[in-house]
Amino acid sequence: MGYSASRRIRVVMRPSIYSERHQRLRTLLREARLEKGLKQADLAAKLGVPQSYISKYESGERRLDVIEFIDLCEVLGVDESNIINAVRSR
């Protein structure tokens, strides 16, 4: 008896915000901020967001979407692909 192509597989996944890779992303972005000598408030001002925005993504309380990630990398002067590769390589 074969499986139908339309059969759905249920996968239970842990939300990515709690994953090891997400923690690594937050750490890398925080380290990049600190290497630039920026406080959370400094970075927030450059992005035009409240300081709590920086605090919440660094602590894991909120996640970044792709556009926010790109904007953040541009302000920090880091290459997005280097961050992504570092997250992948652990």
N, C-alpha and C. Protein backbone atom coordinates (compact mmCIF):
# COMPACT_ATOMS: atom_id res chain seq x y z
N MET A 1 0.84 -1.17 0.00
CA MET A 1 0.00 0.00 0.00
C MET A 1 0.89 1.24 0.00
N GLY A 2 0.74 2.12 -0.98
CA GLY A 2 1.57 3.31 -1.10
C GLY A 2 0.92 4.51 -0.43
N TYR A 3 1.68 5.56 -0.34
CA TYR A 3 1.19 6.81 0.25
C TYR A 3 0.75 7.75 -0.85
N SER A 4 -0.34 8.41 -0.61
CA SER A 4 -0.85 9.40 -1.55
C SER A 4 0.02 10.65 -1.49
N ALA A 5 0.23 11.29 -2.65
CA ALA A 5 1.01 12.52 -2.70
C ALA A 5 0.35 13.64 -1.90
N SER A 6 -0.96 13.52 -1.72
CA SER A 6 -1.67 14.58 -1.00
C SER A 6 -1.69 14.36 0.51
N ARG A 7 -1.15 13.25 0.95
CA ARG A 7 -1.13 12.96 2.39
C ARG A 7 -0.25 13.97 3.11
N ARG A 8 -0.76 14.50 4.17
CA ARG A 8 -0.01 15.50 4.93
C ARG A 8 0.71 14.85 6.09
N ILE A 9 1.88 15.36 6.32
CA ILE A 9 2.67 14.89 7.45
C ILE A 9 2.66 15.98 8.50
N ARG A 10 2.32 15.59 9.69
CA ARG A 10 2.28 16.56 10.79
C ARG A 10 3.63 16.57 11.48
N VAL A 11 4.24 17.71 11.51
CA VAL A 11 5.54 17.87 12.15
C VAL A 11 5.37 18.83 13.32
N VAL A 12 5.82 18.41 14.46
CA VAL A 12 5.76 19.26 15.63
C VAL A 12 7.13 19.90 15.79
N MET A 13 7.15 21.22 15.67
CA MET A 13 8.42 21.94 15.77
C MET A 13 8.38 22.92 16.92
N ARG A 14 9.48 23.05 17.56
CA ARG A 14 9.63 24.04 18.60
C ARG A 14 9.72 25.41 17.95
N PRO A 15 9.07 26.42 18.48
CA PRO A 15 9.19 27.76 17.87
C PRO A 15 10.66 28.16 17.73
N SER A 16 11.01 28.70 16.57
CA SER A 16 12.42 29.01 16.29
C SER A 16 13.01 30.03 17.25
N ILE A 17 12.15 30.84 17.88
CA ILE A 17 12.66 31.85 18.79
C ILE A 17 13.36 31.21 20.00
N TYR A 18 13.06 29.95 20.27
CA TYR A 18 13.68 29.25 21.40
C TYR A 18 14.79 28.30 20.96
N SER A 19 15.09 28.30 19.68
CA SER A 19 16.09 27.36 19.17
C SER A 19 17.51 27.83 19.46
N GLU A 20 18.42 26.89 19.38
CA GLU A 20 19.84 27.20 19.55
C GLU A 20 20.33 28.15 18.47
N ARG A 21 19.83 27.99 17.24
CA ARG A 21 20.24 28.87 16.16
C ARG A 21 19.77 30.30 16.38
N HIS A 22 18.57 30.46 16.91
CA HIS A 22 18.07 31.81 17.17
C HIS A 22 18.89 32.45 18.29
N GLN A 23 19.25 31.68 19.29
CA GLN A 23 20.09 32.21 20.36
C GLN A 23 21.44 32.65 19.80
N ARG A 24 21.97 31.87 18.88
CA ARG A 24 23.26 32.21 18.26
C ARG A 24 23.13 33.50 17.45
N LEU A 25 22.04 33.65 16.71
CA LEU A 25 21.81 34.88 15.95
C LEU A 25 21.79 36.08 16.88
N ARG A 26 21.06 35.98 17.96
CA ARG A 26 20.99 37.10 18.92
C ARG A 26 22.36 37.43 19.48
N THR A 27 23.12 36.41 19.80
CA THR A 27 24.47 36.62 20.34
C THR A 27 25.36 37.32 19.32
N LEU A 28 25.32 36.87 18.08
CA LEU A 28 26.16 37.48 17.04
C LEU A 28 25.80 38.93 16.80
N LEU A 29 24.51 39.23 16.79
CA LEU A 29 24.09 40.62 16.56
C LEU A 29 24.46 41.50 17.76
N ARG A 30 24.34 40.96 18.94
CA ARG A 30 24.74 41.72 20.14
C ARG A 30 26.25 41.98 20.11
N GLU A 31 27.03 40.96 19.78
CA GLU A 31 28.48 41.12 19.70
C GLU A 31 28.86 42.15 18.65
N ALA A 32 28.17 42.14 17.52
CA ALA A 32 28.45 43.13 16.46
C ALA A 32 28.16 44.53 16.97
N ARG A 33 27.08 44.69 17.72
CA ARG A 33 26.75 46.01 18.30
C ARG A 33 27.84 46.46 19.25
N LEU A 34 28.26 45.55 20.12
CA LEU A 34 29.28 45.90 21.12
C LEU A 34 30.63 46.20 20.46
N GLU A 35 30.97 45.45 19.40
CA GLU A 35 32.23 45.71 18.67
C GLU A 35 32.24 47.11 18.05
N LYS A 36 31.08 47.61 17.70
CA LYS A 36 30.96 48.96 17.15
C LYS A 36 30.94 50.02 18.26
N GLY A 37 30.94 49.56 19.51
CA GLY A 37 30.93 50.49 20.63
C GLY A 37 29.58 51.16 20.84
N LEU A 38 28.53 50.50 20.39
CA LEU A 38 27.19 51.08 20.50
C LEU A 38 26.42 50.52 21.69
N LYS A 39 25.75 51.41 22.38
CA LYS A 39 24.78 50.98 23.40
C LYS A 39 23.48 50.67 22.67
N GLN A 40 22.59 49.97 23.34
CA GLN A 40 21.30 49.68 22.74
C GLN A 40 20.60 50.96 22.28
N ALA A 41 20.65 51.98 23.11
CA ALA A 41 20.00 53.26 22.78
C ALA A 41 20.62 53.90 21.54
N ASP A 42 21.93 53.77 21.38
CA ASP A 42 22.61 54.32 20.20
C ASP A 42 22.14 53.63 18.93
N LEU A 43 22.11 52.30 18.98
CA LEU A 43 21.68 51.54 17.82
C LEU A 43 20.21 51.83 17.50
N ALA A 44 19.39 51.90 18.53
CA ALA A 44 17.97 52.20 18.34
C ALA A 44 17.79 53.54 17.64
N ALA A 45 18.56 54.54 18.05
CA ALA A 45 18.46 55.87 17.43
C ALA A 45 18.83 55.81 15.95
N LYS A 46 19.86 55.03 15.62
CA LYS A 46 20.27 54.90 14.22
C LYS A 46 19.20 54.20 13.37
N LEU A 47 18.45 53.30 14.01
CA LEU A 47 17.40 52.58 13.30
C LEU A 47 16.05 53.30 13.34
N GLY A 48 15.95 54.29 14.22
CA GLY A 48 14.69 55.01 14.37
C GLY A 48 13.63 54.21 15.10
N VAL A 49 14.08 53.42 16.07
CA VAL A 49 13.17 52.59 16.87
C VAL A 49 13.43 52.85 18.35
N PRO A 50 12.52 52.45 19.23
CA PRO A 50 12.77 52.61 20.66
C PRO A 50 13.89 51.67 21.14
N GLN A 51 14.56 52.02 22.20
CA GLN A 51 15.60 51.17 22.77
C GLN A 51 15.05 49.80 23.14
N SER A 52 13.78 49.74 23.54
CA SER A 52 13.18 48.46 23.93
C SER A 52 13.14 47.47 22.76
N TYR A 53 13.09 47.97 21.54
CA TYR A 53 13.13 47.11 20.35
C TYR A 53 14.43 46.30 20.34
N ILE A 54 15.55 46.96 20.60
CA ILE A 54 16.85 46.30 20.62
C ILE A 54 16.90 45.32 21.79
N SER A 55 16.48 45.77 22.94
CA SER A 55 16.49 44.93 24.13
C SER A 55 15.66 43.66 23.93
N LYS A 56 14.50 43.81 23.32
CA LYS A 56 13.60 42.66 23.16
C LYS A 56 14.14 41.64 22.18
N TYR A 57 14.77 42.06 21.08
CA TYR A 57 15.29 41.03 20.18
C TYR A 57 16.58 40.42 20.74
N GLU A 58 17.38 41.22 21.45
CA GLU A 58 18.60 40.67 22.03
C GLU A 58 18.30 39.67 23.15
N SER A 59 17.22 39.89 23.87
CA SER A 59 16.86 38.99 24.97
C SER A 59 16.03 37.80 24.49
N GLY A 60 15.56 37.85 23.25
CA GLY A 60 14.75 36.75 22.73
C GLY A 60 13.26 36.94 22.94
N GLU A 61 12.88 38.10 23.42
CA GLU A 61 11.47 38.38 23.65
C GLU A 61 10.71 38.61 22.34
N ARG A 62 11.42 39.08 21.33
CA ARG A 62 10.81 39.26 20.01
C ARG A 62 11.80 38.76 18.97
N ARG A 63 11.28 38.50 17.78
CA ARG A 63 12.13 38.05 16.70
C ARG A 63 12.19 39.12 15.61
N LEU A 64 13.21 39.03 14.80
CA LEU A 64 13.38 39.96 13.70
C LEU A 64 12.84 39.34 12.43
N ASP A 65 12.20 40.15 11.59
CA ASP A 65 11.86 39.63 10.27
C ASP A 65 13.06 39.89 9.35
N VAL A 66 12.98 39.42 8.14
CA VAL A 66 14.12 39.51 7.21
C VAL A 66 14.52 40.96 6.95
N ILE A 67 13.55 41.82 6.73
CA ILE A 67 13.86 43.23 6.44
C ILE A 67 14.50 43.90 7.65
N GLU A 68 14.00 43.62 8.84
CA GLU A 68 14.60 44.18 10.06
C GLU A 68 16.05 43.69 10.20
N PHE A 69 16.27 42.42 9.91
CA PHE A 69 17.61 41.84 9.99
C PHE A 69 18.56 42.54 9.02
N ILE A 70 18.10 42.75 7.79
CA ILE A 70 18.92 43.43 6.78
C ILE A 70 19.24 44.85 7.24
N ASP A 71 18.22 45.57 7.70
CA ASP A 71 18.43 46.95 8.17
C ASP A 71 19.43 46.98 9.33
N LEU A 72 19.29 46.06 10.24
CA LEU A 72 20.18 45.99 11.40
C LEU A 72 21.62 45.73 10.96
N CYS A 73 21.80 44.79 10.06
CA CYS A 73 23.15 44.47 9.57
C CYS A 73 23.77 45.67 8.86
N GLU A 74 22.96 46.39 8.08
CA GLU A 74 23.47 47.58 7.38
C GLU A 74 23.95 48.63 8.38
N VAL A 75 23.17 48.88 9.41
CA VAL A 75 23.55 49.89 10.41
C VAL A 75 24.79 49.43 11.18
N LEU A 76 24.89 48.13 11.44
CA LEU A 76 26.04 47.61 12.18
C LEU A 76 27.27 47.44 11.28
N GLY A 77 27.07 47.54 9.97
CA GLY A 77 28.20 47.38 9.06
C GLY A 77 28.69 45.96 8.95
N VAL A 78 27.79 45.00 9.11
CA VAL A 78 28.16 43.58 8.99
C VAL A 78 27.44 42.99 7.78
N ASP A 79 28.07 41.99 7.19
CA ASP A 79 27.50 41.32 6.03
C ASP A 79 26.47 40.29 6.50
N GLU A 80 25.27 40.38 5.96
CA GLU A 80 24.19 39.48 6.36
C GLU A 80 24.56 38.02 6.15
N SER A 81 25.22 37.73 5.04
CA SER A 81 25.57 36.34 4.75
C SER A 81 26.59 35.79 5.74
N ASN A 82 27.49 36.64 6.23
CA ASN A 82 28.44 36.18 7.25
C ASN A 82 27.72 35.80 8.54
N ILE A 83 26.73 36.58 8.91
CA ILE A 83 25.95 36.27 10.11
C ILE A 83 25.19 34.97 9.90
N ILE A 84 24.54 34.82 8.77
CA ILE A 84 23.76 33.61 8.49
C ILE A 84 24.67 32.38 8.48
N ASN A 85 25.83 32.48 7.83
CA ASN A 85 26.76 31.35 7.80
C ASN A 85 27.25 31.01 9.19
N ALA A 86 27.49 32.00 10.02
CA ALA A 86 27.93 31.75 11.39
C ALA A 86 26.83 31.06 12.20
N VAL A 87 25.60 31.42 11.96
CA VAL A 87 24.47 30.76 12.65
C VAL A 87 24.39 29.30 12.20
N ARG A 88 24.56 29.07 10.92
CA ARG A 88 24.50 27.70 10.39
C ARG A 88 25.62 26.82 10.92
N SER A 89 26.81 27.38 11.02
CA SER A 89 27.97 26.58 11.41
C SER A 89 28.08 26.32 12.90
N ARG A 90 27.33 27.09 13.65
CA ARG A 90 27.32 26.99 15.12
C ARG A 90 28.67 27.28 15.65
